[in-house]
Amino acid sequence: MWWHDSHLERDRFLNPNPLMRRYLMEGVPGPHVEGIVFINRGQWDIARTYFKQLTNLNPGVVDRLERSHIVIPNTCDVPNNWPADPDQKYFAPKLDPYNADFLEAMGIEGRLSAEGKSLDDCLIFLQHTRVVPRKRIDHAIDFCFAMADRYKKDGQNKKIFLLISGSTGDELSDDVTDLTNHLNMRRSGKPGLDVEIIWGEDRIRSERAVVDGVKYYSFAEIPGIVAYYGGLGTYFSDVEGFGNNLLELISLGVPPVVREYPVYVTDIAIYGFDIPSTPDGTMTPELIEGAYKILTDGAHRKAVVKKNVKLLAENLGHNKISENLSKLWETVEEAINE
């Protein structure tokens, strides 16, 4: 059994109604599971407490899975189109004929042209997630304003686009309205700063496609495009099972900034990634200055990207799945043969 996420790890889902609770207790993990894979170091303690409630339904479940469980983290490989073209301005994957018009399709080029600006006058930050409350995209908006303010202190009026590549509406909350209101509130407080949200879901799908003459771009390719134009990734989640989308940013050359959510601290930061971070979503000087250096010092940015890509490949590449699964199979076989 692969334990990716569970209701036990989200406060809002922790107390299901009695019918759903009975269904979950009968089916998770069920009577036939001989081994279990968790994706972070803290899940076994949570699961063990839950399994102890199941001893009448599933005798021996705790002892069985105490021995036959393993942690296999989320993983992400670096695509084959690395390294970057040495003639590129930024160390990032190359664009191709299909995605070369992405900024035009997103309306970014048109907005800049209407204001008499060029790409050199703007920054693109990528929120590469779905739009749900726990992603704390309000903090990403705050970060955009903090960075615009930092540039202004150096005499530069940068327009900042926050591109949100994921879908809205997954958890039935009105996030678009809430985030738009938050954006407008920040604008009213800082009228001299120019921040816009680009909602990408109308032109971004799981795969590339052209439908009725409309071109759609794949979700997976968006970080590489943003990296090509020298952008950053925002990742201020309160809680994550691991952080798939964070790994995707790193794998395609986007330097991220993060909130130090619990699993990031225990299962990702331990590998030594060079990522500006904040402990609680506060726009600290360390976060802002760390991001500013990445954006303004080309040599530093390249060194950060190369270091993070290397650490990802060494510690969280897809090869870790097979390596760890083989260990679990050996344990399960020993238990079955006893």
C-alpha atoms as a PDB file:
ATOM      1  CA  MET A   1       0.000   0.000   0.000  1.00  0.00           C
ATOM      2  CA  TRP A   2       1.271   3.483  -0.893  1.00  0.00           C
ATOM      3  CA  TRP A   3       0.283   6.026   1.780  1.00  0.00           C
ATOM      4  CA  HIS A   4       0.506   9.364  -0.033  1.00  0.00           C
ATOM      5  CA  ASP A   5      -1.862  11.527   1.999  1.00  0.00           C
ATOM      6  CA  SER A   6      -4.641  10.822   4.466  1.00  0.00           C
ATOM      7  CA  HIS A   7      -7.455  12.515   6.341  1.00  0.00           C
ATOM      8  CA  LEU A   8      -5.342  12.076   9.473  1.00  0.00           C
ATOM      9  CA  GLU A   9      -2.884  14.718   8.237  1.00  0.00           C
ATOM     10  CA  ARG A  10      -5.325  17.564   7.527  1.00  0.00           C
ATOM     11  CA  ASP A  11      -7.141  19.305  10.354  1.00  0.00           C
ATOM     12  CA  ARG A  12     -10.185  20.004   8.205  1.00  0.00           C
ATOM     13  CA  PHE A  13     -10.624  16.287   7.381  1.00  0.00           C
ATOM     14  CA  LEU A  14      -9.634  14.839  10.753  1.00  0.00           C
ATOM     15  CA  ASN A  15     -13.173  14.094  11.962  1.00  0.00           C
ATOM     16  CA  PRO A  16     -15.199  12.474   9.148  1.00  0.00           C
ATOM     17  CA  ASN A  17     -18.864  11.689   9.665  1.00  0.00           C
ATOM     18  CA  PRO A  18     -19.653   8.256  11.218  1.00  0.00           C
ATOM     19  CA  LEU A  19     -20.459   6.575   7.898  1.00  0.00           C
ATOM     20  CA  MET A  20     -17.244   7.750   6.253  1.00  0.00           C
ATOM     21  CA  ARG A  21     -15.253   6.902   9.361  1.00  0.00           C
ATOM     22  CA  ARG A  22     -16.552   3.316   9.296  1.00  0.00           C
ATOM     23  CA  TYR A  23     -15.732   3.021   5.599  1.00  0.00           C
ATOM     24  CA  LEU A  24     -12.190   4.278   6.176  1.00  0.00           C
ATOM     25  CA  MET A  25     -11.567   1.986   9.154  1.00  0.00           C
ATOM     26  CA  GLU A  26     -12.724  -1.056   7.190  1.00  0.00           C
ATOM     27  CA  GLY A  27     -10.731  -0.225   4.071  1.00  0.00           C
ATOM     28  CA  VAL A  28      -7.540   1.502   5.231  1.00  0.00           C
ATOM     29  CA  PRO A  29      -5.248  -0.359   5.275  1.00  0.00           C
ATOM     30  CA  GLY A  30      -7.574  -3.342   4.848  1.00  0.00           C
ATOM     31  CA  PRO A  31      -6.903  -6.966   5.837  1.00  0.00           C
ATOM     32  CA  HIS A  32      -4.624  -7.946   2.949  1.00  0.00           C
ATOM     33  CA  VAL A  33      -1.838  -5.353   3.131  1.00  0.00           C
ATOM     34  CA  GLU A  34       1.547  -6.883   3.946  1.00  0.00           C
ATOM     35  CA  GLY A  35       3.646  -3.744   3.514  1.00  0.00           C
ATOM     36  CA  ILE A  36       3.166  -0.017   3.406  1.00  0.00           C
ATOM     37  CA  VAL A  37       5.088   2.895   1.896  1.00  0.00           C
ATOM     38  CA  PHE A  38       4.971   6.360   3.436  1.00  0.00           C
ATOM     39  CA  ILE A  39       6.207   9.506   1.703  1.00  0.00           C
ATOM     40  CA  ASN A  40       7.536  11.397   4.727  1.00  0.00           C
ATOM     41  CA  ARG A  41       9.159  10.594   8.041  1.00  0.00           C
ATOM     42  CA  GLY A  42       6.251  11.656  10.231  1.00  0.00           C
ATOM     43  CA  GLN A  43       3.481   9.549   8.705  1.00  0.00           C
ATOM     44  CA  TRP A  44       4.237   6.263  10.473  1.00  0.00           C
ATOM     45  CA  ASP A  45       3.660   7.728  13.944  1.00  0.00           C
ATOM     46  CA  ILE A  46       0.315   9.129  12.784  1.00  0.00           C
ATOM     47  CA  ALA A  47      -0.655   5.854  11.092  1.00  0.00           C
ATOM     48  CA  ARG A  48       0.387   3.678  14.039  1.00  0.00           C
ATOM     49  CA  THR A  49      -1.910   5.594  16.404  1.00  0.00           C
ATOM     50  CA  TYR A  50      -4.732   5.077  13.917  1.00  0.00           C
ATOM     51  CA  PHE A  51      -3.932   1.377  13.371  1.00  0.00           C
ATOM     52  CA  LYS A  52      -4.183   0.730  17.113  1.00  0.00           C
ATOM     53  CA  GLN A  53      -7.897   1.525  16.809  1.00  0.00           C
ATOM     54  CA  LEU A  54      -8.276  -1.262  14.253  1.00  0.00           C
ATOM     55  CA  THR A  55      -7.075  -4.271  16.228  1.00  0.00           C
ATOM     56  CA  ASN A  56     -10.571  -5.756  16.501  1.00  0.00           C
ATOM     57  CA  LEU A  57     -11.201  -5.396  12.768  1.00  0.00           C
ATOM     58  CA  ASN A  58      -7.663  -6.252  11.700  1.00  0.00           C
ATOM     59  CA  PRO A  59      -5.813  -8.340  14.350  1.00  0.00           C
ATOM     60  CA  GLY A  60      -2.030  -7.964  14.266  1.00  0.00           C
ATOM     61  CA  VAL A  61      -2.067  -4.953  11.942  1.00  0.00           C
ATOM     62  CA  VAL A  62       0.219  -2.851  14.134  1.00  0.00           C
ATOM     63  CA  ASP A  63       2.877  -5.547  14.609  1.00  0.00           C
ATOM     64  CA  ARG A  64       2.722  -6.533  10.939  1.00  0.00           C
ATOM     65  CA  LEU A  65       3.202  -3.036   9.586  1.00  0.00           C
ATOM     66  CA  GLU A  66       5.605  -1.974  12.323  1.00  0.00           C
ATOM     67  CA  ARG A  67       8.126  -4.223  10.627  1.00  0.00           C
ATOM     68  CA  SER A  68       6.952  -3.935   7.017  1.00  0.00           C
ATOM     69  CA  HIS A  69       6.870  -0.221   6.315  1.00  0.00           C
ATOM     70  CA  ILE A  70       9.328   2.158   4.697  1.00  0.00           C
ATOM     71  CA  VAL A  71       9.587   5.824   3.762  1.00  0.00           C
ATOM     72  CA  ILE A  72      10.026   6.544   0.060  1.00  0.00           C
ATOM     73  CA  PRO A  73       9.909  10.301  -0.540  1.00  0.00           C
ATOM     74  CA  ASN A  74       8.317  11.979  -3.503  1.00  0.00           C
ATOM     75  CA  THR A  75      10.852  12.150  -6.291  1.00  0.00           C
ATOM     76  CA  CYS A  76      11.505  14.074  -9.483  1.00  0.00           C
ATOM     77  CA  ASP A  77      14.062  13.497 -12.216  1.00  0.00           C
ATOM     78  CA  VAL A  78      15.903  16.213 -14.109  1.00  0.00           C
ATOM     79  CA  PRO A  79      14.660  16.122 -17.736  1.00  0.00           C
ATOM     80  CA  ASN A  80      16.980  15.166 -20.569  1.00  0.00           C
ATOM     81  CA  ASN A  81      17.008  18.655 -22.125  1.00  0.00           C
ATOM     82  CA  TRP A  82      19.554  19.862 -19.607  1.00  0.00           C
ATOM     83  CA  PRO A  83      22.113  21.365 -19.654  1.00  0.00           C
ATOM     84  CA  ALA A  84      20.933  24.712 -20.913  1.00  0.00           C
ATOM     85  CA  ASP A  85      22.064  26.366 -24.121  1.00  0.00           C
ATOM     86  CA  PRO A  86      25.285  28.208 -23.142  1.00  0.00           C
ATOM     87  CA  ASP A  87      24.131  31.256 -25.118  1.00  0.00           C
ATOM     88  CA  GLN A  88      21.014  31.701 -22.968  1.00  0.00           C
ATOM     89  CA  LYS A  89      20.838  34.552 -20.474  1.00  0.00           C
ATOM     90  CA  TYR A  90      19.707  32.225 -17.681  1.00  0.00           C
ATOM     91  CA  PHE A  91      20.657  28.654 -16.803  1.00  0.00           C
ATOM     92  CA  ALA A  92      17.383  26.999 -17.761  1.00  0.00           C
ATOM     93  CA  PRO A  93      15.865  24.568 -20.269  1.00  0.00           C
ATOM     94  CA  LYS A  94      15.587  25.831 -23.824  1.00  0.00           C
ATOM     95  CA  LEU A  95      12.251  26.861 -25.264  1.00  0.00           C
ATOM     96  CA  ASP A  96      10.965  25.026 -28.319  1.00  0.00           C
ATOM     97  CA  PRO A  97       8.769  26.145 -31.240  1.00  0.00           C
ATOM     98  CA  TYR A  98       5.608  25.109 -29.380  1.00  0.00           C
ATOM     99  CA  ASN A  99       6.107  27.055 -26.147  1.00  0.00           C
ATOM    100  CA  ALA A 100       8.074  30.014 -27.519  1.00  0.00           C
ATOM    101  CA  ASP A 101       4.835  32.066 -27.638  1.00  0.00           C
ATOM    102  CA  PHE A 102       3.773  31.296 -24.071  1.00  0.00           C
ATOM    103  CA  LEU A 103       4.103  34.858 -22.758  1.00  0.00           C
ATOM    104  CA  GLU A 104       1.975  36.122 -25.615  1.00  0.00           C
ATOM    105  CA  ALA A 105      -0.672  33.467 -24.952  1.00  0.00           C
ATOM    106  CA  MET A 106      -0.784  34.383 -21.258  1.00  0.00           C
ATOM    107  CA  GLY A 107      -1.310  38.034 -22.107  1.00  0.00           C
ATOM    108  CA  ILE A 108       1.964  39.113 -20.526  1.00  0.00           C
ATOM    109  CA  GLU A 109       3.486  40.558 -23.692  1.00  0.00           C
ATOM    110  CA  GLY A 110       0.277  42.410 -24.501  1.00  0.00           C
ATOM    111  CA  ARG A 111       0.040  43.995 -21.068  1.00  0.00           C
ATOM    112  CA  LEU A 112       3.657  45.108 -21.190  1.00  0.00           C
ATOM    113  CA  SER A 113       3.256  46.529 -24.678  1.00  0.00           C
ATOM    114  CA  ALA A 114       0.139  48.485 -23.670  1.00  0.00           C
ATOM    115  CA  GLU A 115       2.136  50.109 -20.859  1.00  0.00           C
ATOM    116  CA  GLY A 116       5.170  50.819 -23.053  1.00  0.00           C
ATOM    117  CA  LYS A 117       7.257  48.291 -21.159  1.00  0.00           C
ATOM    118  CA  SER A 118       9.470  45.352 -22.107  1.00  0.00           C
ATOM    119  CA  LEU A 119      10.392  42.062 -20.473  1.00  0.00           C
ATOM    120  CA  ASP A 120      13.330  43.806 -18.836  1.00  0.00           C
ATOM    121  CA  ASP A 121      10.819  45.887 -16.884  1.00  0.00           C
ATOM    122  CA  CYS A 122       9.075  42.900 -15.310  1.00  0.00           C
ATOM    123  CA  LEU A 123       9.586  39.787 -13.227  1.00  0.00           C
ATOM    124  CA  ILE A 124       7.624  36.546 -13.458  1.00  0.00           C
ATOM    125  CA  PHE A 125       7.008  34.559 -10.275  1.00  0.00           C
ATOM    126  CA  LEU A 126       5.416  31.132 -10.549  1.00  0.00           C
ATOM    127  CA  GLN A 127       2.936  29.585  -8.133  1.00  0.00           C
ATOM    128  CA  HIS A 128       3.094  26.061  -9.541  1.00  0.00           C
ATOM    129  CA  THR A 129       0.247  24.509  -7.535  1.00  0.00           C
ATOM    130  CA  ARG A 130      -3.487  24.104  -7.408  1.00  0.00           C
ATOM    131  CA  VAL A 131      -5.391  27.004  -5.860  1.00  0.00           C
ATOM    132  CA  VAL A 132      -6.502  25.811  -2.420  1.00  0.00           C
ATOM    133  CA  PRO A 133      -6.314  27.592   0.944  1.00  0.00           C
ATOM    134  CA  ARG A 134      -3.401  25.606   2.418  1.00  0.00           C
ATOM    135  CA  LYS A 135      -1.096  26.726  -0.421  1.00  0.00           C
ATOM    136  CA  ARG A 136      -1.199  30.225   1.122  1.00  0.00           C
ATOM    137  CA  ILE A 137      -1.060  32.059  -2.172  1.00  0.00           C
ATOM    138  CA  ASP A 138      -1.857  35.186  -0.164  1.00  0.00           C
ATOM    139  CA  HIS A 139       1.730  34.950   1.107  1.00  0.00           C
ATOM    140  CA  ALA A 140       2.937  34.677  -2.492  1.00  0.00           C
ATOM    141  CA  ILE A 141       1.101  37.931  -3.236  1.00  0.00           C
ATOM    142  CA  ASP A 142       2.731  39.532  -0.189  1.00  0.00           C
ATOM    143  CA  PHE A 143       6.103  38.344  -1.474  1.00  0.00           C
ATOM    144  CA  CYS A 144       5.483  39.976  -4.866  1.00  0.00           C
ATOM    145  CA  PHE A 145       4.830  43.318  -3.198  1.00  0.00           C
ATOM    146  CA  ALA A 146       7.859  42.940  -0.938  1.00  0.00           C
ATOM    147  CA  MET A 147      10.080  42.274  -3.955  1.00  0.00           C
ATOM    148  CA  ALA A 148       8.623  45.181  -5.934  1.00  0.00           C
ATOM    149  CA  ASP A 149       9.341  47.380  -2.930  1.00  0.00           C
ATOM    150  CA  ARG A 150      12.905  46.041  -2.714  1.00  0.00           C
ATOM    151  CA  TYR A 151      13.538  46.915  -6.362  1.00  0.00           C
ATOM    152  CA  LYS A 152      12.035  50.363  -5.866  1.00  0.00           C
ATOM    153  CA  LYS A 153      14.554  51.054  -3.096  1.00  0.00           C
ATOM    154  CA  ASP A 154      17.234  50.585  -5.752  1.00  0.00           C
ATOM    155  CA  GLY A 155      15.463  52.950  -8.108  1.00  0.00           C
ATOM    156  CA  GLN A 156      13.769  50.307 -10.270  1.00  0.00           C
ATOM    157  CA  ASN A 157      10.024  50.139 -10.885  1.00  0.00           C
ATOM    158  CA  LYS A 158       9.514  46.474 -11.683  1.00  0.00           C
ATOM    159  CA  LYS A 159       6.157  45.103 -12.751  1.00  0.00           C
ATOM    160  CA  ILE A 160       5.672  41.692 -11.157  1.00  0.00           C
ATOM    161  CA  PHE A 161       3.444  39.007 -12.608  1.00  0.00           C
ATOM    162  CA  LEU A 162       2.381  36.168 -10.321  1.00  0.00           C
ATOM    163  CA  LEU A 163       1.564  33.308 -12.683  1.00  0.00           C
ATOM    164  CA  ILE A 164      -0.638  30.646 -11.104  1.00  0.00           C
ATOM    165  CA  SER A 165      -0.362  27.514 -13.214  1.00  0.00           C
ATOM    166  CA  GLY A 166      -2.756  25.191 -11.357  1.00  0.00           C
ATOM    167  CA  SER A 167      -6.506  24.826 -11.306  1.00  0.00           C
ATOM    168  CA  THR A 168      -9.033  26.530  -9.051  1.00  0.00           C
ATOM    169  CA  GLY A 169     -12.091  25.182  -7.267  1.00  0.00           C
ATOM    170  CA  ASP A 170     -10.773  21.831  -6.011  1.00  0.00           C
ATOM    171  CA  GLU A 171     -11.967  22.322  -2.436  1.00  0.00           C
ATOM    172  CA  LEU A 172     -15.124  24.330  -3.186  1.00  0.00           C
ATOM    173  CA  SER A 173     -13.737  27.517  -1.629  1.00  0.00           C
ATOM    174  CA  ASP A 174     -13.889  30.834  -3.466  1.00  0.00           C
ATOM    175  CA  ASP A 175     -10.143  31.277  -3.650  1.00  0.00           C
ATOM    176  CA  VAL A 176     -10.169  33.459  -6.753  1.00  0.00           C
ATOM    177  CA  THR A 177     -12.325  36.069  -5.036  1.00  0.00           C
ATOM    178  CA  ASP A 178     -10.353  35.842  -1.795  1.00  0.00           C
ATOM    179  CA  LEU A 179      -6.993  36.219  -3.534  1.00  0.00           C
ATOM    180  CA  THR A 180      -8.222  39.012  -5.790  1.00  0.00           C
ATOM    181  CA  ASN A 181      -9.457  40.861  -2.718  1.00  0.00           C
ATOM    182  CA  HIS A 182      -6.100  40.320  -1.040  1.00  0.00           C
ATOM    183  CA  LEU A 183      -4.302  41.647  -4.118  1.00  0.00           C
ATOM    184  CA  ASN A 184      -6.492  44.755  -4.197  1.00  0.00           C
ATOM    185  CA  MET A 185      -5.986  45.323  -0.487  1.00  0.00           C
ATOM    186  CA  ARG A 186      -2.223  45.245  -0.954  1.00  0.00           C
ATOM    187  CA  ARG A 187      -2.479  47.555  -3.968  1.00  0.00           C
ATOM    188  CA  SER A 188      -4.403  50.117  -1.947  1.00  0.00           C
ATOM    189  CA  GLY A 189      -1.721  50.034   0.718  1.00  0.00           C
ATOM    190  CA  LYS A 190       1.141  50.279  -1.793  1.00  0.00           C
ATOM    191  CA  PRO A 191      -0.231  52.279  -4.775  1.00  0.00           C
ATOM    192  CA  GLY A 192       3.218  52.796  -6.268  1.00  0.00           C
ATOM    193  CA  LEU A 193       3.890  49.062  -6.726  1.00  0.00           C
ATOM    194  CA  ASP A 194       2.732  47.126  -9.779  1.00  0.00           C
ATOM    195  CA  VAL A 195       1.694  43.502  -9.159  1.00  0.00           C
ATOM    196  CA  GLU A 196      -0.686  41.429 -11.291  1.00  0.00           C
ATOM    197  CA  ILE A 197      -1.996  37.863 -11.077  1.00  0.00           C
ATOM    198  CA  ILE A 198      -2.100  35.738 -14.219  1.00  0.00           C
ATOM    199  CA  TRP A 199      -4.582  32.862 -13.856  1.00  0.00           C
ATOM    200  CA  GLY A 200      -3.130  30.210 -16.141  1.00  0.00           C
ATOM    201  CA  GLU A 201      -5.725  27.440 -15.913  1.00  0.00           C
ATOM    202  CA  ASP A 202      -7.568  28.480 -19.087  1.00  0.00           C
ATOM    203  CA  ARG A 203      -4.455  27.777 -21.197  1.00  0.00           C
ATOM    204  CA  ILE A 204      -2.635  25.139 -19.140  1.00  0.00           C
ATOM    205  CA  ARG A 205      -3.624  21.470 -19.128  1.00  0.00           C
ATOM    206  CA  SER A 206      -2.039  18.166 -18.183  1.00  0.00           C
ATOM    207  CA  GLU A 207      -0.762  17.745 -21.755  1.00  0.00           C
ATOM    208  CA  ARG A 208      -0.101  19.953 -24.757  1.00  0.00           C
ATOM    209  CA  ALA A 209      -3.057  20.205 -27.096  1.00  0.00           C
ATOM    210  CA  VAL A 210      -4.635  22.398 -29.744  1.00  0.00           C
ATOM    211  CA  VAL A 211      -8.432  22.397 -29.456  1.00  0.00           C
ATOM    212  CA  ASP A 212     -10.654  24.443 -31.791  1.00  0.00           C
ATOM    213  CA  GLY A 213      -7.642  26.532 -32.718  1.00  0.00           C
ATOM    214  CA  VAL A 214      -6.653  27.264 -29.108  1.00  0.00           C
ATOM    215  CA  LYS A 215      -3.204  26.158 -27.993  1.00  0.00           C
ATOM    216  CA  TYR A 216      -2.824  24.648 -24.525  1.00  0.00           C
ATOM    217  CA  TYR A 217       0.478  24.194 -22.710  1.00  0.00           C
ATOM    218  CA  SER A 218       1.350  21.341 -20.365  1.00  0.00           C
ATOM    219  CA  PHE A 219       1.502  21.931 -16.636  1.00  0.00           C
ATOM    220  CA  ALA A 220       4.846  20.134 -16.511  1.00  0.00           C
ATOM    221  CA  GLU A 221       6.598  22.532 -18.889  1.00  0.00           C
ATOM    222  CA  ILE A 222       5.660  25.785 -17.140  1.00  0.00           C
ATOM    223  CA  PRO A 223       8.572  25.892 -14.641  1.00  0.00           C
ATOM    224  CA  GLY A 224      11.083  25.573 -17.491  1.00  0.00           C
ATOM    225  CA  ILE A 225       9.490  28.508 -19.318  1.00  0.00           C
ATOM    226  CA  VAL A 226       9.567  30.690 -16.205  1.00  0.00           C
ATOM    227  CA  ALA A 227      13.189  29.704 -15.573  1.00  0.00           C
ATOM    228  CA  TYR A 228      14.073  30.674 -19.145  1.00  0.00           C
ATOM    229  CA  TYR A 229      12.852  34.193 -18.438  1.00  0.00           C
ATOM    230  CA  GLY A 230      14.697  34.447 -15.123  1.00  0.00           C
ATOM    231  CA  GLY A 231      11.742  34.050 -12.762  1.00  0.00           C
ATOM    232  CA  LEU A 232      11.308  32.613  -9.286  1.00  0.00           C
ATOM    233  CA  GLY A 233       8.930  30.082  -7.770  1.00  0.00           C
ATOM    234  CA  THR A 234       6.749  30.754  -4.718  1.00  0.00           C
ATOM    235  CA  TYR A 235       5.909  27.947  -2.294  1.00  0.00           C
ATOM    236  CA  PHE A 236       4.439  29.237   0.965  1.00  0.00           C
ATOM    237  CA  SER A 237       2.259  26.260   1.884  1.00  0.00           C
ATOM    238  CA  ASP A 238       1.143  25.732   5.476  1.00  0.00           C
ATOM    239  CA  VAL A 239       1.240  21.965   5.078  1.00  0.00           C
ATOM    240  CA  GLU A 240       2.219  19.431   2.411  1.00  0.00           C
ATOM    241  CA  GLY A 241       2.459  15.663   2.336  1.00  0.00           C
ATOM    242  CA  PHE A 242       5.843  16.208   0.746  1.00  0.00           C
ATOM    243  CA  GLY A 243       6.224  18.835  -1.979  1.00  0.00           C
ATOM    244  CA  ASN A 244       5.998  17.438  -5.518  1.00  0.00           C
ATOM    245  CA  ASN A 245       5.568  20.844  -7.112  1.00  0.00           C
ATOM    246  CA  LEU A 246       8.557  22.222  -5.224  1.00  0.00           C
ATOM    247  CA  LEU A 247      10.727  19.457  -6.676  1.00  0.00           C
ATOM    248  CA  GLU A 248       9.355  20.217 -10.146  1.00  0.00           C
ATOM    249  CA  LEU A 249      10.457  23.838  -9.797  1.00  0.00           C
ATOM    250  CA  ILE A 250      13.973  22.789  -8.828  1.00  0.00           C
ATOM    251  CA  SER A 251      14.218  20.177 -11.583  1.00  0.00           C
ATOM    252  CA  LEU A 252      13.580  22.770 -14.300  1.00  0.00           C
ATOM    253  CA  GLY A 253      15.843  25.512 -13.009  1.00  0.00           C
ATOM    254  CA  VAL A 254      13.402  27.723 -11.090  1.00  0.00           C
ATOM    255  CA  PRO A 255      14.902  28.985  -7.824  1.00  0.00           C
ATOM    256  CA  PRO A 256      12.076  28.759  -5.275  1.00  0.00           C
ATOM    257  CA  VAL A 257      11.316  30.636  -2.094  1.00  0.00           C
ATOM    258  CA  VAL A 258       9.491  28.654   0.561  1.00  0.00           C
ATOM    259  CA  ARG A 259       7.698  28.719   3.847  1.00  0.00           C
ATOM    260  CA  GLU A 260       9.303  26.146   6.157  1.00  0.00           C
ATOM    261  CA  TYR A 261       6.331  23.808   6.454  1.00  0.00           C
ATOM    262  CA  PRO A 262       6.989  20.773   8.684  1.00  0.00           C
ATOM    263  CA  VAL A 263       7.828  18.173   6.022  1.00  0.00           C
ATOM    264  CA  TYR A 264      10.072  20.631   4.187  1.00  0.00           C
ATOM    265  CA  VAL A 265      12.150  20.965   7.351  1.00  0.00           C
ATOM    266  CA  THR A 266      12.336  17.238   8.167  1.00  0.00           C
ATOM    267  CA  ASP A 267      12.524  15.646   4.698  1.00  0.00           C
ATOM    268  CA  ILE A 268      13.771  18.196   2.123  1.00  0.00           C
ATOM    269  CA  ALA A 269      15.901  20.910   3.732  1.00  0.00           C
ATOM    270  CA  ILE A 270      18.124  18.220   5.271  1.00  0.00           C
ATOM    271  CA  TYR A 271      19.783  17.713   1.878  1.00  0.00           C
ATOM    272  CA  GLY A 272      21.209  21.220   1.856  1.00  0.00           C
ATOM    273  CA  PHE A 273      19.249  22.931  -0.910  1.00  0.00           C
ATOM    274  CA  ASP A 274      20.017  26.627  -1.342  1.00  0.00           C
ATOM    275  CA  ILE A 275      16.505  28.064  -0.946  1.00  0.00           C
ATOM    276  CA  PRO A 276      15.541  31.384   0.674  1.00  0.00           C
ATOM    277  CA  SER A 277      12.890  30.627   3.277  1.00  0.00           C
ATOM    278  CA  THR A 278      10.671  32.043   5.980  1.00  0.00           C
ATOM    279  CA  PRO A 279       9.625  30.134   9.112  1.00  0.00           C
ATOM    280  CA  ASP A 280       6.016  31.317   9.150  1.00  0.00           C
ATOM    281  CA  GLY A 281       5.190  33.266   5.995  1.00  0.00           C
ATOM    282  CA  THR A 282       6.628  36.538   7.309  1.00  0.00           C
ATOM    283  CA  MET A 283       8.496  38.549   4.672  1.00  0.00           C
ATOM    284  CA  THR A 284      11.778  38.532   6.580  1.00  0.00           C
ATOM    285  CA  PRO A 285      14.869  40.493   5.443  1.00  0.00           C
ATOM    286  CA  GLU A 286      16.691  37.184   4.929  1.00  0.00           C
ATOM    287  CA  LEU A 287      13.972  35.939   2.568  1.00  0.00           C
ATOM    288  CA  ILE A 288      13.784  39.160   0.566  1.00  0.00           C
ATOM    289  CA  GLU A 289      17.527  39.717   0.305  1.00  0.00           C
ATOM    290  CA  GLY A 290      18.135  36.082  -0.580  1.00  0.00           C
ATOM    291  CA  ALA A 291      15.602  36.261  -3.402  1.00  0.00           C
ATOM    292  CA  TYR A 292      16.896  39.655  -4.539  1.00  0.00           C
ATOM    293  CA  LYS A 293      20.434  38.325  -4.876  1.00  0.00           C
ATOM    294  CA  ILE A 294      19.228  35.406  -6.993  1.00  0.00           C
ATOM    295  CA  LEU A 295      17.314  37.786  -9.257  1.00  0.00           C
ATOM    296  CA  THR A 296      20.070  40.375  -9.655  1.00  0.00           C
ATOM    297  CA  ASP A 297      23.322  38.392  -9.553  1.00  0.00           C
ATOM    298  CA  GLY A 298      23.513  36.123 -12.595  1.00  0.00           C
ATOM    299  CA  ALA A 299      26.530  34.147 -11.428  1.00  0.00           C
ATOM    300  CA  HIS A 300      24.942  33.518  -8.037  1.00  0.00           C
ATOM    301  CA  ARG A 301      21.674  32.441  -9.647  1.00  0.00           C
ATOM    302  CA  LYS A 302      23.461  29.962 -11.888  1.00  0.00           C
ATOM    303  CA  ALA A 303      25.402  28.522  -8.941  1.00  0.00           C
ATOM    304  CA  VAL A 304      22.199  28.146  -6.894  1.00  0.00           C
ATOM    305  CA  VAL A 305      20.317  26.438  -9.729  1.00  0.00           C
ATOM    306  CA  LYS A 306      23.173  24.045 -10.510  1.00  0.00           C
ATOM    307  CA  LYS A 307      23.626  23.146  -6.839  1.00  0.00           C
ATOM    308  CA  ASN A 308      19.925  22.487  -6.317  1.00  0.00           C
ATOM    309  CA  VAL A 309      19.573  20.421  -9.489  1.00  0.00           C
ATOM    310  CA  LYS A 310      22.572  18.329  -8.445  1.00  0.00           C
ATOM    311  CA  LEU A 311      21.184  17.736  -4.943  1.00  0.00           C
ATOM    312  CA  LEU A 312      17.798  16.803  -6.370  1.00  0.00           C
ATOM    313  CA  ALA A 313      19.311  14.254  -8.738  1.00  0.00           C
ATOM    314  CA  GLU A 314      21.444  12.732  -5.980  1.00  0.00           C
ATOM    315  CA  ASN A 315      18.845  12.542  -3.217  1.00  0.00           C
ATOM    316  CA  LEU A 316      15.328  12.710  -4.658  1.00  0.00           C
ATOM    317  CA  GLY A 317      15.571  11.252  -8.150  1.00  0.00           C
ATOM    318  CA  HIS A 318      13.231   8.500  -9.336  1.00  0.00           C
ATOM    319  CA  ASN A 319      15.943   5.869  -8.800  1.00  0.00           C
ATOM    320  CA  LYS A 320      15.263   6.170  -5.055  1.00  0.00           C
ATOM    321  CA  ILE A 321      11.905   4.452  -5.574  1.00  0.00           C
ATOM    322  CA  SER A 322      13.345   1.187  -6.870  1.00  0.00           C
ATOM    323  CA  GLU A 323      16.203   1.229  -4.365  1.00  0.00           C
ATOM    324  CA  ASN A 324      13.859   1.522  -1.399  1.00  0.00           C
ATOM    325  CA  LEU A 325      11.120  -0.751  -2.738  1.00  0.00           C
ATOM    326  CA  SER A 326      13.592  -3.606  -3.017  1.00  0.00           C
ATOM    327  CA  LYS A 327      14.310  -3.265   0.702  1.00  0.00           C
ATOM    328  CA  LEU A 328      10.604  -3.385   1.520  1.00  0.00           C
ATOM    329  CA  TRP A 329      10.038  -6.481  -0.644  1.00  0.00           C
ATOM    330  CA  GLU A 330      12.784  -8.303   1.234  1.00  0.00           C
ATOM    331  CA  THR A 331      11.142  -7.487   4.569  1.00  0.00           C
ATOM    332  CA  VAL A 332       7.687  -8.530   3.370  1.00  0.00           C
ATOM    333  CA  GLU A 333       8.986 -11.832   1.959  1.00  0.00           C
ATOM    334  CA  GLU A 334      10.711 -12.632   5.243  1.00  0.00           C
ATOM    335  CA  ALA A 335       7.470 -11.969   7.147  1.00  0.00           C
ATOM    336  CA  ILE A 336       5.414 -14.143   4.762  1.00  0.00           C
ATOM    337  CA  ASN A 337       7.877 -17.038   4.958  1.00  0.00           C
ATOM    338  CA  GLU A 338       8.044 -17.120   8.741  1.00  0.00           C
END
